[in-house]
Amino acid sequence: MKRKHFFVVLFLIMAIFLSGCGIITDEEKIRDVIDEYFLAINDQDWDKAKSCCIYESNVYHETCFLEDKINDLSQSSSFVIIICLVDIFDITIIRNYASAYIDGSFTIITDDFSVTNDSPGYFYLQEVYNDWKIFDQKYIVR
């Protein structure tokens, strides 16, 4: 009898722990979409990067511009490597809009040169059908 009672209690404890595991907060979704955006840039997966943005937004157009520039570099270089390393801080959510402070570096490497930009700034996001999308950015000049 005690053994049966032990298994029932164990089952209830596990059910309580597992019930809280599936909740994803808006802050986690925002971090995920920003990380996904920069990983797509690193991989030069332009469709994936643009899917993290609101269509026709400032960031969408800047991503298209970057894609064109990288494609131009690819014509004259044997390789083009992009390395984006960012940290995400201070996420603020107000209804369907959010901002996130980002800091990190953006490096482009080819066989001829390497250039790095270390500008912190803000990404601005909007919730669209329960998904967060990037629509604008503002860099802080140091």
N, C-alpha and C. Protein backbone atom coordinates (compact mmCIF):
# COMPACT_ATOMS: atom_id res chain seq x y z
N MET A 1 0.81 -1.19 0.00
CA MET A 1 0.00 0.00 0.00
C MET A 1 0.86 1.26 0.00
N LYS A 2 1.92 1.25 0.82
CA LYS A 2 2.80 2.41 0.88
C LYS A 2 3.50 2.61 -0.47
N ARG A 3 3.82 1.53 -1.12
CA ARG A 3 4.49 1.61 -2.41
C ARG A 3 3.58 2.26 -3.45
N LYS A 4 2.31 1.91 -3.46
CA LYS A 4 1.34 2.48 -4.38
C LYS A 4 1.18 3.98 -4.09
N HIS A 5 1.12 4.34 -2.85
CA HIS A 5 0.99 5.73 -2.43
C HIS A 5 2.21 6.53 -2.89
N PHE A 6 3.40 5.95 -2.76
CA PHE A 6 4.63 6.59 -3.18
C PHE A 6 4.59 6.89 -4.68
N PHE A 7 4.17 5.94 -5.51
CA PHE A 7 4.11 6.15 -6.96
C PHE A 7 3.07 7.19 -7.35
N VAL A 8 1.96 7.24 -6.65
CA VAL A 8 0.94 8.25 -6.93
C VAL A 8 1.50 9.64 -6.63
N VAL A 9 2.15 9.80 -5.49
CA VAL A 9 2.73 11.08 -5.11
C VAL A 9 3.84 11.46 -6.10
N LEU A 10 4.67 10.52 -6.47
CA LEU A 10 5.73 10.77 -7.45
C LEU A 10 5.15 11.22 -8.78
N PHE A 11 4.10 10.57 -9.23
CA PHE A 11 3.44 10.93 -10.49
C PHE A 11 2.88 12.36 -10.41
N LEU A 12 2.26 12.71 -9.31
CA LEU A 12 1.69 14.05 -9.15
C LEU A 12 2.78 15.12 -9.14
N ILE A 13 3.89 14.84 -8.49
CA ILE A 13 5.01 15.79 -8.45
C ILE A 13 5.57 15.99 -9.86
N MET A 14 5.74 14.93 -10.60
CA MET A 14 6.25 15.04 -11.98
C MET A 14 5.27 15.80 -12.85
N ALA A 15 3.98 15.57 -12.66
CA ALA A 15 2.97 16.27 -13.46
C ALA A 15 3.02 17.77 -13.18
N ILE A 16 3.25 18.16 -11.94
CA ILE A 16 3.35 19.58 -11.58
C ILE A 16 4.57 20.20 -12.25
N PHE A 17 5.71 19.53 -12.20
CA PHE A 17 6.93 20.06 -12.82
C PHE A 17 6.78 20.15 -14.34
N LEU A 18 6.23 19.15 -14.95
CA LEU A 18 6.11 19.14 -16.42
C LEU A 18 5.08 20.12 -16.93
N SER A 19 4.08 20.46 -16.13
CA SER A 19 3.05 21.39 -16.59
C SER A 19 3.60 22.79 -16.81
N GLY A 20 4.65 23.17 -16.11
CA GLY A 20 5.25 24.49 -16.27
C GLY A 20 6.31 24.56 -17.34
N CYS A 21 6.68 23.46 -17.94
CA CYS A 21 7.78 23.43 -18.91
C CYS A 21 7.41 23.96 -20.28
N GLY A 22 6.16 23.94 -20.66
CA GLY A 22 5.79 24.28 -22.02
C GLY A 22 5.44 25.74 -22.24
N ILE A 23 5.52 26.58 -21.24
CA ILE A 23 5.14 27.98 -21.38
C ILE A 23 6.34 28.78 -21.89
N ILE A 24 6.14 29.45 -23.03
CA ILE A 24 7.18 30.30 -23.60
C ILE A 24 6.71 31.74 -23.48
N THR A 25 7.51 32.56 -22.83
CA THR A 25 7.13 33.95 -22.61
C THR A 25 7.42 34.79 -23.86
N ASP A 26 6.82 35.98 -23.90
CA ASP A 26 7.09 36.89 -25.02
C ASP A 26 8.56 37.29 -25.04
N GLU A 27 9.15 37.46 -23.88
CA GLU A 27 10.58 37.81 -23.83
C GLU A 27 11.44 36.73 -24.48
N GLU A 28 11.12 35.47 -24.22
CA GLU A 28 11.86 34.37 -24.86
C GLU A 28 11.64 34.37 -26.37
N LYS A 29 10.41 34.64 -26.80
CA LYS A 29 10.13 34.70 -28.24
C LYS A 29 10.92 35.82 -28.91
N ILE A 30 11.03 36.95 -28.23
CA ILE A 30 11.78 38.09 -28.77
C ILE A 30 13.26 37.74 -28.88
N ARG A 31 13.81 37.16 -27.82
CA ARG A 31 15.22 36.73 -27.87
C ARG A 31 15.43 35.73 -29.01
N ASP A 32 14.50 34.79 -29.16
CA ASP A 32 14.63 33.77 -30.19
C ASP A 32 14.62 34.36 -31.59
N VAL A 33 13.73 35.33 -31.86
CA VAL A 33 13.65 35.89 -33.21
C VAL A 33 14.89 36.73 -33.52
N ILE A 34 15.42 37.44 -32.54
CA ILE A 34 16.65 38.21 -32.77
C ILE A 34 17.82 37.27 -33.01
N ASP A 35 17.94 36.23 -32.18
CA ASP A 35 19.01 35.22 -32.39
C ASP A 35 18.86 34.56 -33.75
N GLU A 36 17.64 34.21 -34.12
CA GLU A 36 17.37 33.55 -35.41
C GLU A 36 17.77 34.47 -36.57
N TYR A 37 17.48 35.76 -36.43
CA TYR A 37 17.83 36.73 -37.46
C TYR A 37 19.34 36.76 -37.68
N PHE A 38 20.11 36.90 -36.60
CA PHE A 38 21.55 37.00 -36.74
C PHE A 38 22.19 35.67 -37.16
N LEU A 39 21.63 34.55 -36.73
CA LEU A 39 22.14 33.26 -37.22
C LEU A 39 21.90 33.11 -38.72
N ALA A 40 20.76 33.58 -39.19
CA ALA A 40 20.46 33.52 -40.63
C ALA A 40 21.42 34.42 -41.40
N ILE A 41 21.75 35.60 -40.85
CA ILE A 41 22.73 36.48 -41.49
C ILE A 41 24.09 35.77 -41.54
N ASN A 42 24.50 35.16 -40.43
CA ASN A 42 25.77 34.41 -40.42
C ASN A 42 25.80 33.34 -41.51
N ASP A 43 24.68 32.65 -41.69
CA ASP A 43 24.59 31.57 -42.67
C ASP A 43 24.31 32.08 -44.08
N GLN A 44 24.11 33.39 -44.20
CA GLN A 44 23.73 34.01 -45.47
C GLN A 44 22.45 33.37 -46.03
N ASP A 45 21.56 33.03 -45.12
CA ASP A 45 20.24 32.51 -45.48
C ASP A 45 19.28 33.70 -45.48
N TRP A 46 19.26 34.41 -46.59
CA TRP A 46 18.56 35.68 -46.68
C TRP A 46 17.05 35.54 -46.53
N ASP A 47 16.48 34.47 -47.07
CA ASP A 47 15.04 34.26 -46.91
C ASP A 47 14.67 34.07 -45.44
N LYS A 48 15.49 33.33 -44.73
CA LYS A 48 15.25 33.10 -43.30
C LYS A 48 15.39 34.41 -42.52
N ALA A 49 16.42 35.19 -42.84
CA ALA A 49 16.62 36.47 -42.15
C ALA A 49 15.44 37.40 -42.41
N LYS A 50 14.99 37.48 -43.66
CA LYS A 50 13.86 38.36 -43.99
C LYS A 50 12.56 37.87 -43.36
N SER A 51 12.45 36.57 -43.12
CA SER A 51 11.24 36.04 -42.48
C SER A 51 11.15 36.46 -41.01
N CYS A 52 12.23 36.92 -40.43
CA CYS A 52 12.23 37.43 -39.06
C CYS A 52 11.77 38.89 -39.00
N CYS A 53 11.59 39.48 -40.16
CA CYS A 53 11.24 40.90 -40.25
C CYS A 53 9.82 41.08 -40.75
N ILE A 54 9.24 42.23 -40.43
CA ILE A 54 7.96 42.59 -41.02
C ILE A 54 8.24 42.98 -42.47
N TYR A 55 7.48 42.42 -43.38
CA TYR A 55 7.66 42.65 -44.81
C TYR A 55 7.59 44.15 -45.12
N GLU A 56 8.56 44.62 -45.91
CA GLU A 56 8.65 46.01 -46.35
C GLU A 56 9.02 46.98 -45.22
N SER A 57 9.45 46.49 -44.07
CA SER A 57 9.88 47.37 -42.98
C SER A 57 11.31 47.85 -43.24
N ASN A 58 11.79 48.76 -42.40
CA ASN A 58 13.15 49.26 -42.53
C ASN A 58 14.18 48.14 -42.44
N VAL A 59 14.03 47.25 -41.48
CA VAL A 59 14.99 46.16 -41.30
C VAL A 59 14.91 45.18 -42.48
N TYR A 60 13.72 44.96 -42.99
CA TYR A 60 13.56 44.10 -44.17
C TYR A 60 14.36 44.67 -45.34
N HIS A 61 14.22 45.98 -45.58
CA HIS A 61 14.94 46.61 -46.69
C HIS A 61 16.45 46.63 -46.44
N GLU A 62 16.87 46.85 -45.20
CA GLU A 62 18.30 46.82 -44.88
C GLU A 62 18.88 45.42 -45.08
N THR A 63 18.09 44.40 -44.78
CA THR A 63 18.53 43.02 -45.00
C THR A 63 18.66 42.75 -46.50
N CYS A 64 17.73 43.25 -47.30
CA CYS A 64 17.83 43.11 -48.76
C CYS A 64 19.06 43.83 -49.29
N PHE A 65 19.34 45.02 -48.75
CA PHE A 65 20.52 45.80 -49.14
C PHE A 65 21.79 45.03 -48.80
N LEU A 66 21.85 44.46 -47.59
CA LEU A 66 23.02 43.67 -47.18
C LEU A 66 23.18 42.46 -48.09
N GLU A 67 22.09 41.80 -48.42
CA GLU A 67 22.14 40.65 -49.32
C GLU A 67 22.76 41.04 -50.66
N ASP A 68 22.33 42.18 -51.21
CA ASP A 68 22.88 42.65 -52.49
C ASP A 68 24.37 42.94 -52.38
N LYS A 69 24.78 43.58 -51.30
CA LYS A 69 26.20 43.91 -51.10
C LYS A 69 27.05 42.64 -50.95
N ILE A 70 26.54 41.67 -50.21
CA ILE A 70 27.28 40.41 -50.04
C ILE A 70 27.36 39.66 -51.37
N ASN A 71 26.29 39.69 -52.14
CA ASN A 71 26.32 39.06 -53.47
C ASN A 71 27.32 39.75 -54.38
N ASP A 72 27.41 41.08 -54.31
CA ASP A 72 28.42 41.81 -55.09
C ASP A 72 29.83 41.41 -54.66
N LEU A 73 30.05 41.31 -53.34
CA LEU A 73 31.36 40.89 -52.84
C LEU A 73 31.70 39.47 -53.30
N SER A 74 30.70 38.62 -53.35
CA SER A 74 30.92 37.23 -53.77
C SER A 74 31.38 37.13 -55.22
N GLN A 75 31.00 38.12 -56.03
CA GLN A 75 31.41 38.13 -57.45
C GLN A 75 32.91 38.37 -57.59
N SER A 76 33.48 39.15 -56.66
CA SER A 76 34.90 39.52 -56.78
C SER A 76 35.80 38.83 -55.76
N SER A 77 35.23 37.98 -54.91
CA SER A 77 36.02 37.29 -53.89
C SER A 77 35.76 35.79 -53.97
N SER A 78 36.74 35.04 -53.51
CA SER A 78 36.56 33.59 -53.53
C SER A 78 35.68 33.12 -52.37
N PHE A 79 35.58 33.95 -51.32
CA PHE A 79 34.69 33.62 -50.20
C PHE A 79 34.26 34.89 -49.48
N VAL A 80 33.12 34.82 -48.85
CA VAL A 80 32.62 35.90 -47.98
C VAL A 80 32.06 35.24 -46.73
N ILE A 81 32.61 35.65 -45.60
CA ILE A 81 32.17 35.12 -44.31
C ILE A 81 31.57 36.27 -43.50
N ILE A 82 30.43 36.03 -42.91
CA ILE A 82 29.80 37.01 -42.03
C ILE A 82 29.75 36.41 -40.62
N ILE A 83 30.18 37.22 -39.66
CA ILE A 83 30.14 36.78 -38.27
C ILE A 83 29.42 37.86 -37.44
N CYS A 84 28.23 37.52 -36.97
CA CYS A 84 27.46 38.42 -36.09
C CYS A 84 27.45 37.79 -34.70
N LEU A 85 27.96 38.52 -33.74
CA LEU A 85 27.94 38.07 -32.35
C LEU A 85 27.23 39.15 -31.54
N VAL A 86 26.05 38.85 -31.04
CA VAL A 86 25.29 39.87 -30.30
C VAL A 86 24.81 39.33 -28.96
N ASP A 87 24.72 40.25 -28.03
CA ASP A 87 24.09 39.99 -26.74
C ASP A 87 22.83 40.84 -26.69
N ILE A 88 21.80 40.30 -26.07
CA ILE A 88 20.50 40.97 -26.01
C ILE A 88 20.22 41.35 -24.56
N PHE A 89 19.91 42.63 -24.35
CA PHE A 89 19.65 43.15 -23.01
C PHE A 89 18.34 43.94 -23.00
N ASP A 90 17.84 44.19 -21.84
CA ASP A 90 16.77 45.16 -21.61
C ASP A 90 15.62 45.07 -22.60
N ILE A 91 14.91 43.99 -22.59
CA ILE A 91 13.73 43.85 -23.44
C ILE A 91 12.55 44.53 -22.74
N THR A 92 11.92 45.43 -23.47
CA THR A 92 10.75 46.14 -22.96
C THR A 92 9.58 45.83 -23.86
N ILE A 93 8.47 45.40 -23.26
CA ILE A 93 7.28 45.04 -24.03
C ILE A 93 6.13 45.95 -23.59
N ILE A 94 5.53 46.60 -24.58
CA ILE A 94 4.33 47.41 -24.33
C ILE A 94 3.28 46.98 -25.35
N ARG A 95 2.30 46.24 -24.88
CA ARG A 95 1.23 45.66 -25.69
C ARG A 95 1.83 44.81 -26.82
N ASN A 96 1.66 45.24 -28.07
CA ASN A 96 2.14 44.45 -29.22
C ASN A 96 3.47 44.93 -29.77
N TYR A 97 4.14 45.80 -29.03
CA TYR A 97 5.43 46.34 -29.47
C TYR A 97 6.48 46.06 -28.42
N ALA A 98 7.73 45.96 -28.89
CA ALA A 98 8.82 45.69 -27.96
C ALA A 98 10.10 46.33 -28.48
N SER A 99 11.01 46.58 -27.56
CA SER A 99 12.35 47.01 -27.94
C SER A 99 13.34 46.13 -27.19
N ALA A 100 14.49 45.94 -27.81
CA ALA A 100 15.55 45.15 -27.19
C ALA A 100 16.88 45.83 -27.46
N TYR A 101 17.65 46.06 -26.42
CA TYR A 101 18.98 46.64 -26.58
C TYR A 101 19.93 45.52 -26.96
N ILE A 102 20.68 45.72 -28.03
CA ILE A 102 21.65 44.71 -28.46
C ILE A 102 23.04 45.32 -28.48
N ASP A 103 24.02 44.48 -28.19
CA ASP A 103 25.42 44.90 -28.24
C ASP A 103 26.22 43.73 -28.80
N GLY A 104 27.16 44.05 -29.65
CA GLY A 104 27.97 42.99 -30.23
C GLY A 104 28.77 43.49 -31.39
N SER A 105 29.15 42.57 -32.24
CA SER A 105 29.97 42.93 -33.40
C SER A 105 29.44 42.27 -34.66
N PHE A 106 29.71 42.94 -35.77
CA PHE A 106 29.32 42.48 -37.10
C PHE A 106 30.58 42.52 -37.95
N THR A 107 31.04 41.35 -38.41
CA THR A 107 32.29 41.25 -39.16
C THR A 107 32.04 40.62 -40.52
N ILE A 108 32.65 41.21 -41.55
CA ILE A 108 32.63 40.63 -42.89
C ILE A 108 34.08 40.35 -43.27
N ILE A 109 34.33 39.12 -43.71
CA ILE A 109 35.68 38.69 -44.08
C ILE A 109 35.64 38.17 -45.52
N THR A 110 36.57 38.66 -46.34
CA THR A 110 36.76 38.12 -47.69
C THR A 110 38.23 37.81 -47.84
N ASP A 111 38.61 37.34 -49.02
CA ASP A 111 40.03 37.04 -49.24
C ASP A 111 40.86 38.32 -49.37
N ASP A 112 40.22 39.48 -49.55
CA ASP A 112 40.94 40.75 -49.70
C ASP A 112 40.94 41.62 -48.45
N PHE A 113 39.91 41.53 -47.62
CA PHE A 113 39.83 42.41 -46.46
C PHE A 113 38.93 41.83 -45.38
N SER A 114 38.99 42.51 -44.24
CA SER A 114 38.11 42.19 -43.11
C SER A 114 37.67 43.51 -42.49
N VAL A 115 36.40 43.63 -42.20
CA VAL A 115 35.88 44.84 -41.57
C VAL A 115 34.94 44.45 -40.45
N THR A 116 35.07 45.16 -39.31
CA THR A 116 34.23 44.88 -38.14
C THR A 116 33.55 46.17 -37.69
N ASN A 117 32.29 46.05 -37.34
CA ASN A 117 31.52 47.17 -36.80
C ASN A 117 31.01 46.76 -35.42
N ASP A 118 31.28 47.59 -34.43
CA ASP A 118 30.87 47.32 -33.05
C ASP A 118 29.88 48.36 -32.56
N SER A 119 28.73 48.45 -33.19
CA SER A 119 27.74 49.46 -32.79
C SER A 119 26.61 48.83 -32.00
N PRO A 120 26.44 49.27 -30.75
CA PRO A 120 25.26 48.82 -30.01
C PRO A 120 24.03 49.57 -30.51
N GLY A 121 22.87 49.11 -30.13
CA GLY A 121 21.66 49.80 -30.54
C GLY A 121 20.41 49.08 -30.09
N TYR A 122 19.31 49.45 -30.69
CA TYR A 122 18.01 48.89 -30.35
C TYR A 122 17.38 48.23 -31.56
N PHE A 123 16.73 47.11 -31.32
CA PHE A 123 15.85 46.49 -32.30
C PHE A 123 14.43 46.73 -31.81
N TYR A 124 13.55 47.06 -32.74
CA TYR A 124 12.15 47.28 -32.42
C TYR A 124 11.33 46.18 -33.08
N LEU A 125 10.42 45.61 -32.32
CA LEU A 125 9.65 44.46 -32.80
C LEU A 125 8.16 44.71 -32.62
N GLN A 126 7.39 43.97 -33.41
CA GLN A 126 5.94 44.02 -33.31
C GLN A 126 5.42 42.59 -33.29
N GLU A 127 4.40 42.36 -32.48
CA GLU A 127 3.78 41.04 -32.43
C GLU A 127 2.77 40.94 -33.56
N VAL A 128 2.95 39.92 -34.40
CA VAL A 128 2.06 39.69 -35.53
C VAL A 128 1.58 38.25 -35.45
N TYR A 129 0.29 38.07 -35.22
CA TYR A 129 -0.31 36.73 -35.12
C TYR A 129 0.47 35.83 -34.15
N ASN A 130 0.75 36.35 -32.95
CA ASN A 130 1.41 35.61 -31.88
C ASN A 130 2.90 35.34 -32.13
N ASP A 131 3.47 35.93 -33.18
CA ASP A 131 4.91 35.85 -33.45
C ASP A 131 5.48 37.26 -33.40
N TRP A 132 6.69 37.38 -32.93
CA TRP A 132 7.36 38.67 -32.91
C TRP A 132 8.20 38.82 -34.16
N LYS A 133 8.15 40.00 -34.77
CA LYS A 133 8.89 40.30 -35.99
C LYS A 133 9.63 41.63 -35.79
N ILE A 134 10.81 41.73 -36.37
CA ILE A 134 11.63 42.94 -36.29
C ILE A 134 11.14 43.91 -37.36
N PHE A 135 11.00 45.20 -36.98
CA PHE A 135 10.58 46.16 -38.00
C PHE A 135 11.50 47.38 -38.09
N ASP A 136 12.32 47.63 -37.08
CA ASP A 136 13.21 48.80 -37.16
C ASP A 136 14.40 48.57 -36.24
N GLN A 137 15.43 49.39 -36.47
CA GLN A 137 16.62 49.33 -35.63
C GLN A 137 17.22 50.72 -35.55
N LYS A 138 17.93 50.96 -34.48
CA LYS A 138 18.60 52.24 -34.30
C LYS A 138 19.93 51.95 -33.62
N TYR A 139 21.01 52.29 -34.32
CA TYR A 139 22.35 52.05 -33.77
C TYR A 139 22.83 53.29 -33.05
N ILE A 140 23.61 53.07 -32.01
CA ILE A 140 24.19 54.16 -31.23
C ILE A 140 25.64 54.31 -31.66
N VAL A 141 25.99 55.51 -32.09
CA VAL A 141 27.35 55.78 -32.53
C VAL A 141 28.20 56.07 -31.31
N ARG A 142 29.31 55.36 -31.21
CA ARG A 142 30.22 55.56 -30.06
C ARG A 142 31.25 56.59 -30.38
